[in-house]
Protein backbone atom coordinates (compact mmCIF):
# COMPACT_ATOMS: atom_id res chain seq x y z
CA UNK A 1 0.00 0.00 0.00
CA UNK A 2 1.26 3.46 -0.89
CA UNK A 3 2.38 5.54 2.09
CA UNK A 4 -0.11 8.31 1.31
CA UNK A 5 -2.97 5.81 1.46
CA UNK A 6 -1.74 4.65 4.87
CA UNK A 7 -1.70 8.24 6.12
CA UNK A 8 -5.25 8.81 4.87
CA UNK A 9 -6.32 5.64 6.70
CA UNK A 10 -5.02 7.01 9.99
CA UNK A 11 -1.56 5.41 10.21
CA UNK A 12 1.65 7.21 11.15
CA UNK A 13 4.16 7.95 8.40
CA UNK A 14 7.77 9.06 8.65
CA UNK A 15 9.58 11.48 6.40
CA UNK A 16 12.60 13.67 5.79
CA UNK A 17 12.81 17.38 5.07
CA UNK A 18 14.97 18.00 2.00
CA UNK A 19 16.51 21.45 1.57
CA UNK A 20 18.87 20.61 -1.32
CA UNK A 21 16.83 19.26 -4.25
CA UNK A 22 19.26 16.55 -5.32
CA UNK A 23 17.49 13.38 -6.54
CA UNK A 24 20.36 11.28 -5.15
CA UNK A 25 19.45 12.38 -1.62
CA UNK A 26 15.81 11.61 -2.39
CA UNK A 27 16.67 8.13 -3.64
CA UNK A 28 18.69 7.38 -0.52
CA UNK A 29 15.80 8.46 1.70
CA UNK A 30 13.35 6.27 -0.20
CA UNK A 31 15.68 3.27 -0.24
CA UNK A 32 16.15 3.70 3.52
CA UNK A 33 12.39 3.39 3.96
CA UNK A 34 11.13 6.94 4.44
CA UNK A 35 7.42 7.28 3.69
CA UNK A 36 7.58 10.84 2.40
CA UNK A 37 9.97 13.61 1.47
CA UNK A 38 9.11 17.19 2.39
CA UNK A 39 10.85 19.37 -0.17
CA UNK A 40 11.60 22.70 1.50
CA UNK A 41 11.17 25.48 -1.03
CA UNK A 42 10.84 28.17 1.64
CA UNK A 43 14.25 27.91 3.31
CA UNK A 44 15.94 25.44 0.97
CA UNK A 45 17.68 25.83 -2.38
CA UNK A 46 15.30 27.14 -5.05
CA UNK A 47 16.01 25.35 -8.33
CA UNK A 48 12.77 24.45 -10.05
CA UNK A 49 14.27 21.95 -12.50
CA UNK A 50 15.95 20.14 -9.62
CA UNK A 51 12.74 20.27 -7.58
CA UNK A 52 10.83 18.76 -10.50
CA UNK A 53 13.39 15.94 -10.75
CA UNK A 54 12.98 15.25 -7.02
CA UNK A 55 9.20 14.98 -7.48
CA UNK A 56 9.69 12.59 -10.41
CA UNK A 57 12.01 10.44 -8.31
CA UNK A 58 9.48 10.21 -5.48
CA UNK A 59 6.64 9.36 -7.88
CA UNK A 60 8.49 6.25 -9.01
CA UNK A 61 8.18 4.58 -5.60
CA UNK A 62 5.76 4.06 -2.74
CA UNK A 63 6.67 7.27 -0.91
CA UNK A 64 4.81 10.54 -1.39
CA UNK A 65 5.94 14.11 -1.89
CA UNK A 66 5.16 17.22 0.10
CA UNK A 67 6.39 20.71 -0.76
CA UNK A 68 6.75 23.52 1.74
CA UNK A 69 5.96 26.45 -0.50
CA UNK A 70 8.01 29.60 -0.53
CA UNK A 71 5.00 31.87 -0.06
CA UNK A 72 1.47 31.44 1.24
CA UNK A 73 -0.24 32.75 -1.86
CA UNK A 74 -2.50 30.94 -4.28
CA UNK A 75 -0.10 31.14 -7.22
CA UNK A 76 2.79 29.50 -5.37
CA UNK A 77 0.58 26.71 -4.05
CA UNK A 78 -0.98 26.07 -7.46
CA UNK A 79 2.46 25.93 -9.08
CA UNK A 80 3.53 22.91 -7.05
CA UNK A 81 0.18 21.22 -7.62
CA UNK A 82 0.90 21.70 -11.34
CA UNK A 83 4.32 20.13 -10.79
CA UNK A 84 2.52 17.04 -9.46
CA UNK A 85 3.33 17.24 -5.75
CA UNK A 86 1.21 14.93 -3.59
CA UNK A 87 0.66 17.78 -1.16
CA UNK A 88 1.83 21.15 0.07
CA UNK A 89 2.71 22.60 3.45
CA UNK A 90 1.86 26.30 3.36
CA UNK A 91 3.77 28.70 5.66
CA UNK A 92 2.27 31.18 8.10
CA UNK A 93 -1.46 30.72 7.55
CA UNK A 94 -3.06 32.96 10.15
CA UNK A 95 -6.68 33.53 9.06
CA UNK A 96 -9.55 31.57 7.56
CA UNK A 97 -9.59 34.04 4.66
CA UNK A 98 -6.00 33.11 3.80
CA UNK A 99 -6.90 29.42 4.13
CA UNK A 100 -9.79 29.85 1.68
CA UNK A 101 -7.48 31.63 -0.74
CA UNK A 102 -4.94 28.83 -0.81
CA UNK A 103 -7.51 26.02 -0.95
CA UNK A 104 -8.87 27.63 -4.10
CA UNK A 105 -5.51 26.86 -5.70
CA UNK A 106 -6.35 23.17 -5.62
CA UNK A 107 -9.37 23.80 -7.84
CA UNK A 108 -7.32 25.71 -10.40
CA UNK A 109 -6.43 23.41 -13.27
CA UNK A 110 -4.45 24.56 -16.26
CA UNK A 111 -4.03 21.22 -18.02
CA UNK A 112 -1.16 19.75 -19.97
CA UNK A 113 1.24 19.83 -17.02
CA UNK A 114 2.88 17.11 -14.97
CA UNK A 115 -0.08 16.81 -12.57
CA UNK A 116 -2.24 15.35 -15.35
CA UNK A 117 0.65 13.64 -17.17
CA UNK A 118 0.89 16.50 -19.64
CA UNK A 119 -2.71 16.10 -20.73
CA UNK A 120 -2.73 12.31 -21.09
CA UNK A 121 -5.35 11.94 -18.35
CA UNK A 122 -8.41 14.00 -17.58
CA UNK A 123 -8.19 16.09 -14.42
CA UNK A 124 -11.63 14.89 -13.34
CA UNK A 125 -10.50 11.27 -13.36
CA UNK A 126 -7.33 11.87 -11.33
CA UNK A 127 -6.70 10.24 -7.98
CA UNK A 128 -7.51 11.83 -4.63
CA UNK A 129 -6.83 15.53 -4.31
CA UNK A 130 -3.37 16.48 -3.05
CA UNK A 131 -2.95 17.24 0.63
CA UNK A 132 -3.04 20.78 1.92
CA UNK A 133 -1.36 21.21 5.30
CA UNK A 134 -1.16 24.64 6.93
CA UNK A 135 1.72 25.85 9.07
CA UNK A 136 0.62 27.76 12.17
CA UNK A 137 3.48 30.12 12.95
CA UNK A 138 2.00 33.16 14.68
CA UNK A 139 -0.14 34.01 17.72
CA UNK A 140 -2.84 35.15 15.29
CA UNK A 141 -2.75 31.77 13.57
CA UNK A 142 -3.10 30.03 16.93
CA UNK A 143 -6.04 32.27 17.80
CA UNK A 144 -7.77 31.47 14.49
CA UNK A 145 -6.78 27.82 14.17
CA UNK A 146 -10.29 26.44 14.59
CA UNK A 147 -11.65 28.67 11.81
CA UNK A 148 -8.65 27.81 9.60
CA UNK A 149 -9.16 24.08 10.04
CA UNK A 150 -12.88 24.40 9.38
CA UNK A 151 -12.18 25.66 5.85
CA UNK A 152 -13.07 22.91 3.40
CA UNK A 153 -9.94 21.61 1.74
CA UNK A 154 -7.56 22.09 4.68
CA UNK A 155 -6.39 18.57 5.54
CA UNK A 156 -4.28 19.26 8.60
CA UNK A 157 -1.79 21.47 10.37
CA UNK A 158 1.72 21.70 11.76
CA UNK A 159 3.21 24.23 14.16
CA UNK A 160 6.22 26.16 12.93
CA UNK A 161 7.95 26.03 16.29
CA UNK A 162 10.88 28.31 15.49
CA UNK A 163 8.83 31.11 14.00
CA UNK A 164 6.09 30.84 16.61
CA UNK A 165 8.53 31.01 19.52
CA UNK A 166 10.23 34.00 17.87
CA UNK A 167 6.93 35.82 17.51
CA UNK A 168 6.32 35.25 21.20
CA UNK A 169 9.60 37.10 21.78
CA UNK A 170 11.39 33.95 22.97
CA UNK A 171 13.24 32.41 20.00
CA UNK A 172 13.87 28.71 20.50
CA UNK A 173 12.22 28.60 23.92
CA UNK A 174 9.85 25.69 23.41
CA UNK A 175 9.27 25.34 27.15
CA UNK A 176 7.77 28.77 27.67
CA UNK A 177 4.25 28.99 29.04
CA UNK A 178 3.02 30.85 25.95
CA UNK A 179 4.49 28.38 23.50
CA UNK A 180 3.23 25.26 25.29
CA UNK A 181 -0.27 26.71 25.60
CA UNK A 182 -0.30 27.62 21.91
CA UNK A 183 0.97 24.19 20.87
CA UNK A 184 -1.69 22.41 22.91
CA UNK A 185 -4.36 24.69 21.46
CA UNK A 186 -3.38 23.75 17.90
CA UNK A 187 -3.06 20.06 18.72
CA UNK A 188 -6.49 19.91 20.31
CA UNK A 189 -8.10 21.78 17.42
CA UNK A 190 -6.62 19.38 14.85
CA UNK A 191 -7.48 16.22 16.77
CA UNK A 192 -11.04 17.39 17.48
CA UNK A 193 -11.60 17.68 13.73
CA UNK A 194 -9.89 14.36 12.95
CA UNK A 195 -7.43 16.02 10.63
CA UNK A 196 -3.73 15.34 10.10
CA UNK A 197 -1.36 16.59 12.78
CA UNK A 198 2.27 16.86 11.78
CA UNK A 199 5.45 17.49 13.73
CA UNK A 200 9.16 16.86 14.07
CA UNK A 201 10.69 14.10 16.16
CA UNK A 202 13.58 15.44 18.26
CA UNK A 203 15.09 15.37 21.72
CA UNK A 204 12.21 17.38 23.16
CA UNK A 205 9.47 15.56 21.24
CA UNK A 206 9.94 11.81 21.32
CA UNK A 207 7.95 9.55 19.00
CA UNK A 208 5.85 7.91 21.70
CA UNK A 209 4.87 11.29 23.17
CA UNK A 210 3.91 12.66 19.77
CA UNK A 211 1.82 9.60 18.92
CA UNK A 212 0.07 9.80 22.27
CA UNK A 213 -0.93 13.37 21.38
CA UNK A 214 -2.28 12.33 17.98
CA UNK A 215 0.58 13.14 15.61
CA UNK A 216 0.67 11.08 12.40
CA UNK A 217 2.85 13.02 9.96
CA UNK A 218 6.32 12.61 11.47
CA UNK A 219 9.43 14.44 10.27
CA UNK A 220 12.45 12.41 11.36
CA UNK A 221 15.14 14.86 10.27
CA UNK A 222 16.58 17.31 7.77
CA UNK A 223 18.95 16.33 4.98
CA UNK A 224 21.90 18.60 5.77
CA UNK A 225 21.87 17.97 9.52
CA UNK A 226 21.72 14.20 8.95
CA UNK A 227 24.62 14.38 6.49
CA UNK A 228 26.58 16.60 8.90
CA UNK A 229 26.02 14.16 11.75
CA UNK A 230 27.11 11.26 9.53
CA UNK A 231 30.31 13.09 8.56
CA UNK A 232 31.08 13.90 12.19
CA UNK A 233 30.40 10.36 13.36
CA UNK A 234 32.64 8.84 10.68
CA UNK A 235 35.45 11.30 11.43
CA UNK A 236 35.23 10.78 15.20
CA UNK A 237 35.18 7.00 14.82
CA UNK A 238 38.20 7.13 12.51
CA UNK A 239 40.15 9.20 15.01
CA UNK A 240 39.29 6.83 17.85
CA UNK A 241 40.59 3.87 15.82
CA UNK A 242 43.91 5.53 15.00
């Protein structure tokens, strides 16, 4: 069963965030068993041809593709739907009006692009609609999260922890009272609506704790940090053996 089907059925899936759109990195992730690759077009390297090649690589296997768009406007979202991404993660959605604007991008169909195999299949006969996950990254977004999630076409949410903590005036302080309250607010809103809750597994958010709180879309790491850690480990082990 394809990983995206398992997610839709309520199972947990595990992915990697890719900031450098090199298909070789994508292949390694898929061969290692990752269920999805989140291509970061907001903070990562912007090279559309390379991004398209990453999406093609993912489409050849059982994993699925997500794209964190560079902007939270309809045009940017629609562009990656046209590229054939299985879903998008849209940054800094803070109002229901913005959510309605970006969900409209999913209905926009230009035809003859990769999403419909360059016109070989009819858009109306295509598989399930791509996912649309919103990133809640501001106090205003937290305040409006219920209304955002109630917009038809929004499939789930993630908290942008770094940006949210910064907007609370405490960058990187994920233990602050304000941040914890905001995180719980978003989690409860998503779970109450039986939508997809995504998050990153790290030292402060272990897998078991995330699953207990209803998380299903799990980011296990970022490409460059995983490569860095591998380089450091190999170097340190080599020095210990000498």
